[in-house]
Amino acid sequence: MSRKKSPSKAVSNGSRKQKKRSPTDEGFYTPFWGLDQQLQATSAEKTGGPPPAVPPQPRFDRPEEASRAHAGGTCREIPDEQLFLDTVGDATPLPAEDRARVPRRPARTFLPQCREQEDWEVLMHLADLVAGGASFELVHTDEYIDGAVAGLSPAIVKGLKKGRFSYQAYIDLHGCTREEALELVTRFIRDSHARGLRCVLVVSGKGLNSKNREPVLKNQLVRWFLCAPLKRFVLAFASARSCDGGSGAFYVLLRRRQSRHPVVSPAM
């Protein structure tokens, strides 16, 4: 049984043709648009035909006029040098005697990373505290003397004067010469600091048996506390209470020893 073939639908080729659109309708870059006109102009030059006339370059008095002309597309692009000369054409150069070089701006000096001068001073003071280089503040009367690193809490100095810090070791310098006392007290303070002690007692005597009844060692101790090498170990000192020697002895508060090794918990 033969199957009847259905007639194929005729498709008009004209219906597939699309209208040619200009590149301005597409809205994208078309570098070859107008290439045929350029080729025609090139062939005319080769055949000896007259070249197209170049319109004269307009001259503007102000840059604003040139900018508007460029925006409207009425002239060719003006070189920057020509535009500059057109702008400064009426300027008068300065006389040679009135010319001078502008000095260079000095380089900016960067301060440490502190926003305020007070912060910088505090940091420097803390660095002195750590290094043992901070100044001492002294308060003294006829018999009693106390001193502390500048900036130390007054409550600590007050507690030291009242004996609230129990001394952990002491040294008695009675009968020692100045040289002997300096050697002994230096060794004592250094060893006490190395052992981690915080408060010690140094007995100098009141000088009642010395020449002119002057407390020579007592005055020397104050100077030694304020100078190297003891200055790096001493945080504060104060005359002791009467039960511990009174004005002939000093409570000395030592700095904390800086640990060079991390604290390790014992193995469980």
Protein backbone atom coordinates (compact mmCIF):
# COMPACT_ATOMS: atom_id res chain seq x y z
CA MET A 1 0.00 0.00 0.00
CA SER A 2 1.61 3.19 -1.10
CA ARG A 3 1.68 6.14 1.25
CA LYS A 4 0.73 9.46 -0.25
CA LYS A 5 3.43 11.98 0.16
CA SER A 6 2.36 15.27 1.55
CA PRO A 7 3.49 18.20 -0.49
CA SER A 8 6.40 19.97 1.06
CA LYS A 9 5.86 23.46 2.16
CA ALA A 10 7.57 25.95 0.00
CA VAL A 11 9.70 28.30 1.95
CA SER A 12 10.37 31.64 0.44
CA ASN A 13 13.99 32.67 0.49
CA GLY A 14 12.95 36.23 0.78
CA SER A 15 11.42 35.63 4.19
CA ARG A 16 14.84 34.64 5.58
CA LYS A 17 16.49 37.80 4.49
CA GLN A 18 17.02 40.27 7.31
CA LYS A 19 17.32 43.95 7.08
CA LYS A 20 20.88 45.15 7.15
CA ARG A 21 21.45 47.35 10.13
CA SER A 22 24.02 50.02 10.58
CA PRO A 23 26.67 49.64 13.26
CA THR A 24 25.15 52.49 15.19
CA ASP A 25 22.07 50.31 15.77
CA GLU A 26 24.14 47.46 17.16
CA GLY A 27 25.79 49.46 19.90
CA PHE A 28 29.15 47.65 19.79
CA TYR A 29 32.61 48.27 18.35
CA THR A 30 32.73 47.92 14.49
CA PRO A 31 36.27 48.68 13.31
CA PHE A 32 35.62 47.80 9.61
CA TRP A 33 32.60 50.01 9.12
CA GLY A 34 33.28 52.50 6.33
CA LEU A 35 36.32 50.59 5.07
CA ASP A 36 35.14 50.80 1.45
CA GLN A 37 35.16 54.60 1.52
CA GLN A 38 38.72 54.56 2.82
CA LEU A 39 39.81 52.19 0.08
CA GLN A 40 38.29 54.47 -2.55
CA ALA A 41 40.20 57.43 -1.20
CA THR A 42 43.45 55.43 -1.25
CA SER A 43 42.94 54.32 -4.85
CA ALA A 44 42.29 57.93 -5.89
CA GLU A 45 45.66 58.94 -4.49
CA LYS A 46 47.43 56.15 -6.40
CA THR A 47 45.85 57.15 -9.71
CA GLY A 48 47.07 60.72 -9.29
CA GLY A 49 43.78 62.25 -8.39
CA PRO A 50 43.64 65.35 -6.20
CA PRO A 51 43.72 64.57 -2.49
CA PRO A 52 40.76 65.64 -0.45
CA ALA A 53 41.01 69.15 0.88
CA VAL A 54 41.97 69.43 4.54
CA PRO A 55 39.97 72.05 6.37
CA PRO A 56 42.05 74.72 8.07
CA GLN A 57 42.82 74.23 11.74
CA PRO A 58 40.68 76.64 13.77
CA ARG A 59 42.27 78.78 16.46
CA PHE A 60 40.55 79.44 19.78
CA ASP A 61 41.17 82.18 22.30
CA ARG A 62 40.13 80.12 25.32
CA PRO A 63 40.43 76.43 26.18
CA GLU A 64 36.69 76.24 26.85
CA GLU A 65 35.96 77.01 23.21
CA ALA A 66 38.33 74.29 22.04
CA SER A 67 36.75 71.79 24.41
CA ARG A 68 33.26 72.57 23.14
CA ALA A 69 34.46 72.27 19.55
CA HIS A 70 35.99 68.86 20.25
CA ALA A 71 32.83 67.70 21.96
CA GLY A 72 30.74 68.71 18.95
CA GLY A 73 33.12 67.05 16.50
CA THR A 74 33.64 70.24 14.45
CA CYS A 75 37.44 70.14 14.39
CA ARG A 76 40.40 67.87 14.65
CA GLU A 77 42.08 67.06 17.93
CA ILE A 78 44.49 69.80 19.01
CA PRO A 79 47.84 68.66 20.42
CA ASP A 80 48.40 69.36 24.09
CA GLU A 81 51.45 71.52 23.35
CA GLN A 82 49.50 73.75 20.98
CA LEU A 83 46.63 74.03 23.44
CA PHE A 84 49.05 75.04 26.19
CA LEU A 85 50.70 77.67 23.99
CA ASP A 86 47.31 79.07 23.02
CA THR A 87 46.40 79.32 26.70
CA VAL A 88 49.59 81.04 27.95
CA GLY A 89 50.24 83.03 24.79
CA ASP A 90 49.46 86.35 26.47
CA ALA A 91 51.51 85.63 29.63
CA THR A 92 54.58 87.76 30.34
CA PRO A 93 57.69 85.97 31.68
CA LEU A 94 59.10 87.14 35.01
CA PRO A 95 62.24 89.28 34.98
CA ALA A 96 65.44 87.35 35.60
CA GLU A 97 66.21 89.24 38.82
CA ASP A 98 62.81 88.35 40.31
CA ARG A 99 63.14 84.62 39.75
CA ALA A 100 63.90 82.30 42.64
CA ARG A 101 63.82 78.58 43.28
CA VAL A 102 61.15 77.26 45.61
CA PRO A 103 62.87 75.39 48.44
CA ARG A 104 62.10 71.74 48.75
CA ARG A 105 59.77 70.67 51.49
CA PRO A 106 61.71 69.05 54.32
CA ALA A 107 61.23 65.34 54.72
CA ARG A 108 58.58 64.41 57.21
CA THR A 109 59.94 62.93 60.39
CA PHE A 110 57.92 60.03 61.73
CA LEU A 111 57.56 59.90 65.48
CA PRO A 112 57.25 56.62 67.33
CA GLN A 113 53.89 54.88 67.14
CA CYS A 114 52.30 57.02 69.85
CA ARG A 115 49.48 59.42 69.11
CA GLU A 116 50.15 61.71 72.02
CA GLN A 117 53.35 62.97 73.63
CA GLU A 118 52.06 61.80 76.99
CA ASP A 119 51.87 58.22 75.72
CA TRP A 120 55.46 58.45 74.56
CA GLU A 121 56.63 59.76 77.92
CA VAL A 122 54.82 56.96 79.72
CA LEU A 123 56.45 54.37 77.50
CA MET A 124 59.87 55.85 78.12
CA HIS A 125 59.25 55.86 81.85
CA LEU A 126 58.17 52.21 81.78
CA ALA A 127 61.30 51.35 79.81
CA ASP A 128 63.39 53.07 82.48
CA LEU A 129 61.59 51.11 85.16
CA VAL A 130 62.42 47.83 83.46
CA ALA A 131 66.04 48.80 82.81
CA GLY A 132 66.56 50.26 86.28
CA GLY A 133 67.24 53.75 84.94
CA ALA A 134 64.26 55.67 86.31
CA SER A 135 64.83 58.56 88.71
CA PHE A 136 63.99 58.36 92.40
CA GLU A 137 61.73 60.60 94.42
CA LEU A 138 63.16 61.32 97.88
CA VAL A 139 61.39 62.46 101.03
CA HIS A 140 63.56 63.07 104.07
CA THR A 141 63.51 64.76 107.45
CA ASP A 142 66.25 65.15 110.01
CA GLU A 143 66.24 61.43 110.83
CA TYR A 144 63.98 59.54 108.45
CA ILE A 145 64.52 59.08 104.74
CA ASP A 146 62.48 57.25 102.15
CA GLY A 147 62.76 57.05 98.39
CA ALA A 148 61.02 55.30 95.53
CA VAL A 149 61.18 55.05 91.79
CA ALA A 150 59.28 57.94 90.22
CA GLY A 151 55.74 56.86 89.46
CA LEU A 152 55.56 54.10 92.07
CA SER A 153 52.23 53.96 93.89
CA PRO A 154 52.30 56.01 97.13
CA ALA A 155 50.39 53.18 98.82
CA ILE A 156 53.39 50.89 98.34
CA VAL A 157 55.77 53.42 99.87
CA LYS A 158 53.39 53.99 102.76
CA GLY A 159 53.11 50.26 103.40
CA LEU A 160 56.89 49.90 103.31
CA LYS A 161 57.35 52.66 105.90
CA LYS A 162 54.84 51.05 108.23
CA GLY A 163 56.52 47.65 108.03
CA ARG A 164 53.71 45.90 106.17
CA PHE A 165 56.32 44.12 104.04
CA SER A 166 58.05 41.51 106.17
CA TYR A 167 61.78 41.53 105.46
CA GLN A 168 63.15 38.17 104.33
CA ALA A 169 66.84 38.77 105.02
CA TYR A 170 69.01 41.39 106.71
CA ILE A 171 72.60 42.60 106.93
CA ASP A 172 74.29 44.52 109.77
CA LEU A 173 77.03 46.96 108.74
CA HIS A 174 78.08 48.05 112.24
CA GLY A 175 81.86 48.41 112.52
CA CYS A 176 82.48 48.37 108.74
CA THR A 177 84.46 50.96 106.85
CA ARG A 178 82.96 52.69 103.85
CA GLU A 179 84.73 50.42 101.35
CA GLU A 180 83.80 47.28 103.28
CA ALA A 181 80.19 48.37 103.63
CA LEU A 182 79.88 49.08 99.90
CA GLU A 183 81.21 45.64 98.98
CA LEU A 184 79.02 43.84 101.53
CA VAL A 185 75.77 45.64 100.77
CA THR A 186 76.28 45.32 97.01
CA ARG A 187 76.78 41.57 97.30
CA PHE A 188 73.85 41.27 99.71
CA ILE A 189 71.38 43.17 97.51
CA ARG A 190 72.48 41.36 94.37
CA ASP A 191 72.23 37.91 95.96
CA SER A 192 68.85 38.71 97.52
CA HIS A 193 67.48 39.80 94.15
CA ALA A 194 68.85 36.66 92.51
CA ARG A 195 67.07 34.55 95.13
CA GLY A 196 63.78 36.27 94.34
CA LEU A 197 63.47 38.10 97.68
CA ARG A 198 61.30 41.21 97.67
CA CYS A 199 62.05 42.97 100.98
CA VAL A 200 65.28 43.05 102.98
CA LEU A 201 66.61 45.01 105.96
CA VAL A 202 69.92 46.88 105.85
CA VAL A 203 71.22 48.08 109.25
CA SER A 204 73.70 50.93 109.01
CA GLY A 205 73.63 52.35 112.52
CA LYS A 206 72.88 55.90 113.62
CA GLY A 207 76.53 56.97 113.77
CA LEU A 208 76.49 57.68 117.49
CA ASN A 209 80.01 56.27 117.91
CA SER A 210 81.49 57.85 114.77
CA LYS A 211 83.46 61.06 114.51
CA ASN A 212 81.28 64.13 115.03
CA ARG A 213 78.45 61.66 115.67
CA GLU A 214 77.50 61.75 111.98
CA PRO A 215 75.70 58.78 110.34
CA VAL A 216 78.31 58.28 107.62
CA LEU A 217 77.13 54.87 106.44
CA LYS A 218 73.49 55.92 106.56
CA ASN A 219 74.08 58.81 104.16
CA GLN A 220 76.26 56.63 101.96
CA LEU A 221 73.57 53.96 101.74
CA VAL A 222 71.11 56.46 100.29
CA ARG A 223 73.64 57.43 97.60
CA TRP A 224 74.38 53.79 96.82
CA PHE A 225 70.69 52.97 96.47
CA LEU A 226 70.32 55.77 93.92
CA CYS A 227 73.34 54.84 91.80
CA ALA A 228 74.52 51.83 89.83
CA PRO A 229 74.85 48.96 90.41
CA LEU A 230 72.25 48.91 93.22
CA LYS A 231 69.84 51.19 91.37
CA ARG A 232 68.84 48.41 89.00
CA PHE A 233 67.73 46.20 91.90
CA VAL A 234 66.08 48.71 94.27
CA LEU A 235 62.45 49.74 93.78
CA ALA A 236 61.98 51.68 97.04
CA PHE A 237 63.50 52.12 100.48
CA ALA A 238 62.38 53.66 103.76
CA SER A 239 63.66 54.15 107.29
CA ALA A 240 62.72 51.18 109.46
CA ARG A 241 60.46 51.19 112.47
CA SER A 242 62.03 51.61 115.90
CA CYS A 243 61.72 47.89 116.64
CA ASP A 244 63.83 47.11 113.53
CA GLY A 245 66.50 49.77 114.02
CA GLY A 246 64.62 53.03 113.48
CA SER A 247 66.53 55.73 111.61
CA GLY A 248 69.64 53.53 111.66
CA ALA A 249 68.17 50.91 109.29
CA PHE A 250 66.34 50.71 105.99
CA TYR A 251 63.62 48.55 104.57
CA VAL A 252 64.59 47.92 100.95
CA LEU A 253 61.96 46.80 98.44
CA LEU A 254 63.56 44.93 95.55
CA ARG A 255 62.35 44.63 92.00
CA ARG A 256 60.84 41.46 90.66
CA ARG A 257 63.34 39.15 89.07
CA GLN A 258 62.66 38.68 85.37
CA SER A 259 62.30 35.02 84.56
CA ARG A 260 64.32 33.93 81.55
CA HIS A 261 62.62 30.57 81.27
CA PRO A 262 58.92 29.84 80.84
CA VAL A 263 57.03 28.36 83.73
CA VAL A 264 56.41 24.68 83.07
CA SER A 265 53.83 22.72 85.02
CA PRO A 266 55.18 19.53 86.59
CA ALA A 267 54.33 16.30 84.85
CA MET A 268 51.21 14.67 86.21
